[in-house]
């Protein structure tokens, strides 16, 4: 199931980069559901799926949902990893869009280490 989930994630990313939002969302949600069914919630793969879903929702200006997903994904990764730094940066961008500048600055500082 995780191989299939990875394929859906890759397709979701491809569609997201090509602005084909309906297809992107469909594949990202399938990757999410397959990861859950494989009980992979505590893996870096699941964190990547959540972060990619967050990116998708941020492009749709659904910052509340994107923030929630990023916070959940950050719980699954090593706080000092490059993945975490990218997630902190992504979350900071959401805070900038929602005018939470102090929160954004805190996350930018965390992303820079």
C-alpha atoms as a PDB file:
ATOM      1  CA  UNK A   1       0.000   0.000   0.000  1.00  0.00           C
ATOM      2  CA  UNK A   2       2.815   2.492   0.680  1.00  0.00           C
ATOM      3  CA  UNK A   3       4.205   2.011  -2.828  1.00  0.00           C
ATOM      4  CA  UNK A   4       0.810   2.902  -4.223  1.00  0.00           C
ATOM      5  CA  UNK A   5       0.536   5.799  -1.773  1.00  0.00           C
ATOM      6  CA  UNK A   6       3.927   7.083  -2.979  1.00  0.00           C
ATOM      7  CA  UNK A   7       2.681   6.944  -6.564  1.00  0.00           C
ATOM      8  CA  UNK A   8      -0.414   8.945  -5.633  1.00  0.00           C
ATOM      9  CA  UNK A   9       1.745  11.459  -3.774  1.00  0.00           C
ATOM     10  CA  UNK A  10       4.024  11.858  -6.801  1.00  0.00           C
ATOM     11  CA  UNK A  11       1.024  12.325  -9.094  1.00  0.00           C
ATOM     12  CA  UNK A  12      -0.505  14.816  -6.662  1.00  0.00           C
ATOM     13  CA  UNK A  13       2.710  16.842  -6.618  1.00  0.00           C
ATOM     14  CA  UNK A  14       2.875  16.761 -10.427  1.00  0.00           C
ATOM     15  CA  UNK A  15      -0.718  17.952 -10.779  1.00  0.00           C
ATOM     16  CA  UNK A  16      -0.176  20.605  -8.099  1.00  0.00           C
ATOM     17  CA  UNK A  17       2.821  22.000  -9.976  1.00  0.00           C
ATOM     18  CA  UNK A  18       0.729  22.076 -13.161  1.00  0.00           C
ATOM     19  CA  UNK A  19      -2.181  23.861 -11.434  1.00  0.00           C
ATOM     20  CA  UNK A  20      -4.562  20.949 -11.990  1.00  0.00           C
ATOM     21  CA  UNK A  21      -6.117  21.277  -8.566  1.00  0.00           C
ATOM     22  CA  UNK A  22      -8.911  18.712  -8.796  1.00  0.00           C
ATOM     23  CA  UNK A  23      -6.541  15.952  -9.834  1.00  0.00           C
ATOM     24  CA  UNK A  24      -3.921  17.078  -7.311  1.00  0.00           C
ATOM     25  CA  UNK A  25      -6.377  16.973  -4.430  1.00  0.00           C
ATOM     26  CA  UNK A  26      -7.726  13.583  -5.473  1.00  0.00           C
ATOM     27  CA  UNK A  27      -4.278  11.965  -5.583  1.00  0.00           C
ATOM     28  CA  UNK A  28      -3.055  13.645  -2.410  1.00  0.00           C
ATOM     29  CA  UNK A  29      -6.115  12.471  -0.499  1.00  0.00           C
ATOM     30  CA  UNK A  30      -5.651   8.950  -1.853  1.00  0.00           C
ATOM     31  CA  UNK A  31      -2.007   9.009  -0.694  1.00  0.00           C
ATOM     32  CA  UNK A  32      -3.202  10.181   2.722  1.00  0.00           C
ATOM     33  CA  UNK A  33      -5.852   7.484   3.011  1.00  0.00           C
ATOM     34  CA  UNK A  34      -3.479   4.720   1.890  1.00  0.00           C
ATOM     35  CA  UNK A  35      -0.853   5.853   4.395  1.00  0.00           C
ATOM     36  CA  UNK A  36      -3.469   5.745   7.138  1.00  0.00           C
ATOM     37  CA  UNK A  37      -4.636   2.292   6.111  1.00  0.00           C
ATOM     38  CA  UNK A  38      -1.005   1.114   6.244  1.00  0.00           C
ATOM     39  CA  UNK A  39      -0.753   2.591   9.758  1.00  0.00           C
ATOM     40  CA  UNK A  40       2.092   4.856   8.645  1.00  0.00           C
ATOM     41  CA  UNK A  41       1.013   7.904  10.658  1.00  0.00           C
ATOM     42  CA  UNK A  42       4.315   8.129  12.528  1.00  0.00           C
ATOM     43  CA  UNK A  43       6.545   7.990   9.451  1.00  0.00           C
ATOM     44  CA  UNK A  44       8.339  10.705   7.498  1.00  0.00           C
ATOM     45  CA  UNK A  45       6.305   9.641   4.459  1.00  0.00           C
ATOM     46  CA  UNK A  46       3.057  10.539   6.210  1.00  0.00           C
ATOM     47  CA  UNK A  47       4.558  13.878   7.257  1.00  0.00           C
ATOM     48  CA  UNK A  48       5.433  14.529   3.618  1.00  0.00           C
ATOM     49  CA  UNK A  49       1.881  13.711   2.510  1.00  0.00           C
ATOM     50  CA  UNK A  50       0.478  16.076   5.153  1.00  0.00           C
ATOM     51  CA  UNK A  51       2.896  18.856   4.189  1.00  0.00           C
ATOM     52  CA  UNK A  52       2.017  18.472   0.512  1.00  0.00           C
ATOM     53  CA  UNK A  53      -1.691  18.592   1.328  1.00  0.00           C
ATOM     54  CA  UNK A  54      -0.971  21.736   3.344  1.00  0.00           C
ATOM     55  CA  UNK A  55       0.775  23.255   0.331  1.00  0.00           C
ATOM     56  CA  UNK A  56      -2.256  22.402  -1.789  1.00  0.00           C
ATOM     57  CA  UNK A  57      -4.673  24.047   0.639  1.00  0.00           C
ATOM     58  CA  UNK A  58      -2.442  27.106   0.960  1.00  0.00           C
ATOM     59  CA  UNK A  59      -2.594  27.585  -2.819  1.00  0.00           C
ATOM     60  CA  UNK A  60      -6.375  27.574  -2.466  1.00  0.00           C
ATOM     61  CA  UNK A  61      -6.070  30.221   0.303  1.00  0.00           C
ATOM     62  CA  UNK A  62      -7.423  27.763   2.888  1.00  0.00           C
ATOM     63  CA  UNK A  63      -4.764  28.823   5.365  1.00  0.00           C
ATOM     64  CA  UNK A  64      -6.547  27.449   8.409  1.00  0.00           C
ATOM     65  CA  UNK A  65      -6.544  23.906   7.032  1.00  0.00           C
ATOM     66  CA  UNK A  66      -2.968  24.289   5.749  1.00  0.00           C
ATOM     67  CA  UNK A  67      -1.770  25.442   9.174  1.00  0.00           C
ATOM     68  CA  UNK A  68      -3.434  22.491  10.898  1.00  0.00           C
ATOM     69  CA  UNK A  69      -1.877  19.975   8.495  1.00  0.00           C
ATOM     70  CA  UNK A  70       1.583  21.495   8.799  1.00  0.00           C
ATOM     71  CA  UNK A  71       1.433  21.441  12.578  1.00  0.00           C
ATOM     72  CA  UNK A  72       0.446  17.775  12.467  1.00  0.00           C
ATOM     73  CA  UNK A  73       3.226  16.950  10.019  1.00  0.00           C
ATOM     74  CA  UNK A  74       5.823  18.721  12.166  1.00  0.00           C
ATOM     75  CA  UNK A  75       4.995  16.303  14.977  1.00  0.00           C
ATOM     76  CA  UNK A  76       6.237  13.456  12.765  1.00  0.00           C
ATOM     77  CA  UNK A  77       9.670  14.767  11.765  1.00  0.00           C
ATOM     78  CA  UNK A  78      12.957  15.407  13.511  1.00  0.00           C
ATOM     79  CA  UNK A  79      12.844  19.081  14.497  1.00  0.00           C
ATOM     80  CA  UNK A  80      16.394  19.615  13.231  1.00  0.00           C
ATOM     81  CA  UNK A  81      15.940  18.044   9.801  1.00  0.00           C
ATOM     82  CA  UNK A  82      15.801  19.834   6.481  1.00  0.00           C
ATOM     83  CA  UNK A  83      12.233  18.584   6.127  1.00  0.00           C
ATOM     84  CA  UNK A  84      11.273  20.339   9.355  1.00  0.00           C
ATOM     85  CA  UNK A  85      13.007  23.537   8.227  1.00  0.00           C
ATOM     86  CA  UNK A  86      10.995  23.495   4.994  1.00  0.00           C
ATOM     87  CA  UNK A  87       7.782  22.906   6.952  1.00  0.00           C
ATOM     88  CA  UNK A  88       8.584  25.755   9.351  1.00  0.00           C
ATOM     89  CA  UNK A  89       9.161  28.011   6.358  1.00  0.00           C
ATOM     90  CA  UNK A  90       5.887  26.912   4.756  1.00  0.00           C
ATOM     91  CA  UNK A  91       3.992  27.528   7.998  1.00  0.00           C
ATOM     92  CA  UNK A  92       5.667  30.933   8.369  1.00  0.00           C
ATOM     93  CA  UNK A  93       4.413  31.823   4.892  1.00  0.00           C
ATOM     94  CA  UNK A  94       0.878  30.952   5.985  1.00  0.00           C
ATOM     95  CA  UNK A  95       1.291  33.193   9.031  1.00  0.00           C
ATOM     96  CA  UNK A  96       2.455  36.046   6.784  1.00  0.00           C
ATOM     97  CA  UNK A  97      -0.648  35.604   4.608  1.00  0.00           C
ATOM     98  CA  UNK A  98      -2.879  35.634   7.698  1.00  0.00           C
ATOM     99  CA  UNK A  99      -1.075  38.672   9.194  1.00  0.00           C
ATOM    100  CA  UNK A 100       0.431  36.768  12.153  1.00  0.00           C
ATOM    101  CA  UNK A 101       3.852  38.372  11.794  1.00  0.00           C
ATOM    102  CA  UNK A 102       5.259  37.485  15.219  1.00  0.00           C
ATOM    103  CA  UNK A 103       4.392  33.827  14.710  1.00  0.00           C
ATOM    104  CA  UNK A 104       5.964  33.962  11.253  1.00  0.00           C
ATOM    105  CA  UNK A 105       9.192  35.433  12.645  1.00  0.00           C
ATOM    106  CA  UNK A 106       9.387  32.754  15.340  1.00  0.00           C
ATOM    107  CA  UNK A 107       9.063  30.015  12.724  1.00  0.00           C
ATOM    108  CA  UNK A 108      11.585  31.630  10.386  1.00  0.00           C
ATOM    109  CA  UNK A 109      14.053  31.714  13.270  1.00  0.00           C
ATOM    110  CA  UNK A 110      13.329  28.037  13.974  1.00  0.00           C
ATOM    111  CA  UNK A 111      13.796  27.134  10.309  1.00  0.00           C
ATOM    112  CA  UNK A 112      17.168  28.850  10.258  1.00  0.00           C
ATOM    113  CA  UNK A 113      18.210  26.944  13.358  1.00  0.00           C
END
